[in-house]
Amino acid sequence: MIRQQFYFFMIGVIIYAALLYWAASHDFWLPTAFFAYLLGRRVVFAYRVDRFNRMNQPK
């Protein structure tokens, strides 16, 4: 990823984590499940991008 895209990606992860924490601490279970899904989707996407980049590095 380009550095700026990476920073925006990480800011999004922090925002989703903060919203997940807020929703879970106030017992709002529907938003908690929604933000957990969004955060999990970002983590899986980051794993796939990292794996793709590692496989395509010149040796």
N, C-alpha and C. Protein backbone atom coordinates (compact mmCIF):
# COMPACT_ATOMS: atom_id res chain seq x y z
N MET A 1 0.84 -1.18 0.00
CA MET A 1 0.00 0.00 0.00
C MET A 1 0.88 1.24 0.00
N ILE A 2 0.38 2.27 -0.59
CA ILE A 2 1.06 3.55 -0.52
C ILE A 2 0.94 4.06 0.92
N ARG A 3 1.93 4.82 1.35
CA ARG A 3 1.98 5.26 2.74
C ARG A 3 0.71 6.00 3.16
N GLN A 4 0.21 6.90 2.33
CA GLN A 4 -1.00 7.66 2.69
C GLN A 4 -2.20 6.73 2.82
N GLN A 5 -2.33 5.75 1.93
CA GLN A 5 -3.43 4.79 2.03
C GLN A 5 -3.31 3.97 3.30
N PHE A 6 -2.08 3.61 3.66
CA PHE A 6 -1.87 2.85 4.89
C PHE A 6 -2.30 3.67 6.11
N TYR A 7 -1.95 4.95 6.13
CA TYR A 7 -2.34 5.79 7.26
C TYR A 7 -3.86 5.93 7.36
N PHE A 8 -4.53 6.13 6.24
CA PHE A 8 -5.99 6.19 6.26
C PHE A 8 -6.58 4.86 6.72
N PHE A 9 -5.98 3.76 6.29
CA PHE A 9 -6.45 2.45 6.70
C PHE A 9 -6.33 2.29 8.22
N MET A 10 -5.18 2.68 8.77
CA MET A 10 -4.97 2.53 10.21
C MET A 10 -5.87 3.48 11.00
N ILE A 11 -6.11 4.67 10.50
CA ILE A 11 -7.04 5.59 11.17
C ILE A 11 -8.43 4.97 11.21
N GLY A 12 -8.84 4.32 10.12
CA GLY A 12 -10.12 3.63 10.10
C GLY A 12 -10.19 2.51 11.11
N VAL A 13 -9.10 1.76 11.26
CA VAL A 13 -9.06 0.68 12.25
C VAL A 13 -9.22 1.25 13.65
N ILE A 14 -8.54 2.34 13.94
CA ILE A 14 -8.64 2.95 15.27
C ILE A 14 -10.05 3.46 15.52
N ILE A 15 -10.67 4.06 14.52
CA ILE A 15 -12.04 4.56 14.68
C ILE A 15 -13.00 3.40 14.92
N TYR A 16 -12.88 2.32 14.14
CA TYR A 16 -13.75 1.17 14.34
C TYR A 16 -13.54 0.54 15.72
N ALA A 17 -12.29 0.47 16.16
CA ALA A 17 -12.01 -0.10 17.48
C ALA A 17 -12.60 0.78 18.58
N ALA A 18 -12.51 2.09 18.43
CA ALA A 18 -13.08 2.99 19.44
C ALA A 18 -14.61 2.87 19.47
N LEU A 19 -15.23 2.80 18.30
CA LEU A 19 -16.68 2.64 18.25
C LEU A 19 -17.11 1.29 18.81
N LEU A 20 -16.33 0.26 18.54
CA LEU A 20 -16.62 -1.06 19.09
C LEU A 20 -16.53 -1.04 20.61
N TYR A 21 -15.49 -0.42 21.14
CA TYR A 21 -15.34 -0.31 22.59
C TYR A 21 -16.50 0.47 23.20
N TRP A 22 -16.87 1.58 22.58
CA TRP A 22 -17.96 2.40 23.10
C TRP A 22 -19.28 1.62 23.10
N ALA A 23 -19.57 0.95 21.99
CA ALA A 23 -20.84 0.21 21.89
C ALA A 23 -20.87 -0.95 22.88
N ALA A 24 -19.75 -1.64 23.04
CA ALA A 24 -19.71 -2.77 23.97
C ALA A 24 -19.82 -2.32 25.41
N SER A 25 -19.21 -1.18 25.74
CA SER A 25 -19.25 -0.72 27.13
C SER A 25 -20.62 -0.17 27.53
N HIS A 26 -21.44 0.18 26.57
CA HIS A 26 -22.78 0.68 26.87
C HIS A 26 -23.87 -0.35 26.59
N ASP A 27 -23.47 -1.58 26.37
CA ASP A 27 -24.40 -2.70 26.14
C ASP A 27 -25.33 -2.48 24.94
N PHE A 28 -24.81 -1.87 23.89
CA PHE A 28 -25.54 -1.76 22.63
C PHE A 28 -25.09 -2.91 21.75
N TRP A 29 -25.82 -4.02 21.76
CA TRP A 29 -25.30 -5.23 21.15
C TRP A 29 -25.40 -5.23 19.63
N LEU A 30 -26.38 -4.59 19.06
CA LEU A 30 -26.45 -4.55 17.60
C LEU A 30 -25.31 -3.71 17.01
N PRO A 31 -25.05 -2.49 17.51
CA PRO A 31 -23.89 -1.76 17.00
C PRO A 31 -22.57 -2.47 17.32
N THR A 32 -22.50 -3.17 18.47
CA THR A 32 -21.28 -3.90 18.80
C THR A 32 -21.01 -4.97 17.75
N ALA A 33 -22.02 -5.71 17.39
CA ALA A 33 -21.84 -6.75 16.37
C ALA A 33 -21.47 -6.13 15.02
N PHE A 34 -22.08 -5.02 14.68
CA PHE A 34 -21.79 -4.36 13.41
C PHE A 34 -20.35 -3.86 13.36
N PHE A 35 -19.91 -3.17 14.42
CA PHE A 35 -18.54 -2.65 14.42
C PHE A 35 -17.51 -3.78 14.53
N ALA A 36 -17.86 -4.86 15.20
CA ALA A 36 -16.95 -6.02 15.24
C ALA A 36 -16.80 -6.62 13.85
N TYR A 37 -17.89 -6.68 13.11
CA TYR A 37 -17.83 -7.18 11.74
C TYR A 37 -16.96 -6.28 10.87
N LEU A 38 -17.15 -4.96 10.96
CA LEU A 38 -16.35 -4.04 10.16
C LEU A 38 -14.87 -4.12 10.51
N LEU A 39 -14.57 -4.20 11.80
CA LEU A 39 -13.18 -4.29 12.23
C LEU A 39 -12.56 -5.61 11.78
N GLY A 40 -13.30 -6.69 11.90
CA GLY A 40 -12.80 -7.99 11.44
C GLY A 40 -12.56 -8.01 9.94
N ARG A 41 -13.44 -7.35 9.20
CA ARG A 41 -13.26 -7.29 7.75
C ARG A 41 -11.99 -6.53 7.38
N ARG A 42 -11.70 -5.46 8.10
CA ARG A 42 -10.47 -4.70 7.84
C ARG A 42 -9.23 -5.52 8.19
N VAL A 43 -9.28 -6.27 9.27
CA VAL A 43 -8.13 -7.09 9.67
C VAL A 43 -7.89 -8.18 8.64
N VAL A 44 -8.93 -8.84 8.17
CA VAL A 44 -8.78 -9.88 7.15
C VAL A 44 -8.24 -9.28 5.86
N PHE A 45 -8.71 -8.11 5.48
CA PHE A 45 -8.21 -7.45 4.27
C PHE A 45 -6.73 -7.13 4.41
N ALA A 46 -6.32 -6.62 5.57
CA ALA A 46 -4.91 -6.30 5.80
C ALA A 46 -4.06 -7.56 5.72
N TYR A 47 -4.55 -8.67 6.26
CA TYR A 47 -3.81 -9.93 6.19
C TYR A 47 -3.65 -10.38 4.75
N ARG A 48 -4.70 -10.28 3.97
CA ARG A 48 -4.62 -10.70 2.56
C ARG A 48 -3.68 -9.82 1.75
N VAL A 49 -3.72 -8.52 1.98
CA VAL A 49 -2.81 -7.62 1.27
C VAL A 49 -1.37 -7.91 1.67
N ASP A 50 -1.12 -8.13 2.95
CA ASP A 50 0.23 -8.43 3.41
C ASP A 50 0.73 -9.74 2.82
N ARG A 51 -0.12 -10.75 2.79
CA ARG A 51 0.28 -12.04 2.21
C ARG A 51 0.57 -11.90 0.72
N PHE A 52 -0.26 -11.13 0.01
CA PHE A 52 -0.04 -10.90 -1.41
C PHE A 52 1.29 -10.18 -1.65
N ASN A 53 1.57 -9.16 -0.83
CA ASN A 53 2.82 -8.42 -0.99
C ASN A 53 4.04 -9.28 -0.69
N ARG A 54 3.94 -10.14 0.30
CA ARG A 54 5.08 -11.01 0.64
C ARG A 54 5.33 -12.05 -0.44
N MET A 55 4.26 -12.54 -1.07
CA MET A 55 4.43 -13.55 -2.11
C MET A 55 5.01 -12.94 -3.38
N ASN A 56 4.78 -11.66 -3.62
CA ASN A 56 5.22 -11.03 -4.86
C ASN A 56 6.47 -10.19 -4.71
N GLN A 57 7.19 -10.35 -3.60
CA GLN A 57 8.44 -9.63 -3.44
C GLN A 57 9.53 -10.29 -4.29
N PRO A 58 10.37 -9.49 -4.91
CA PRO A 58 11.49 -10.10 -5.65
C PRO A 58 12.47 -10.73 -4.67
N LYS A 59 13.01 -11.87 -5.08
CA LYS A 59 13.95 -12.59 -4.19
C LYS A 59 15.37 -12.42 -4.61
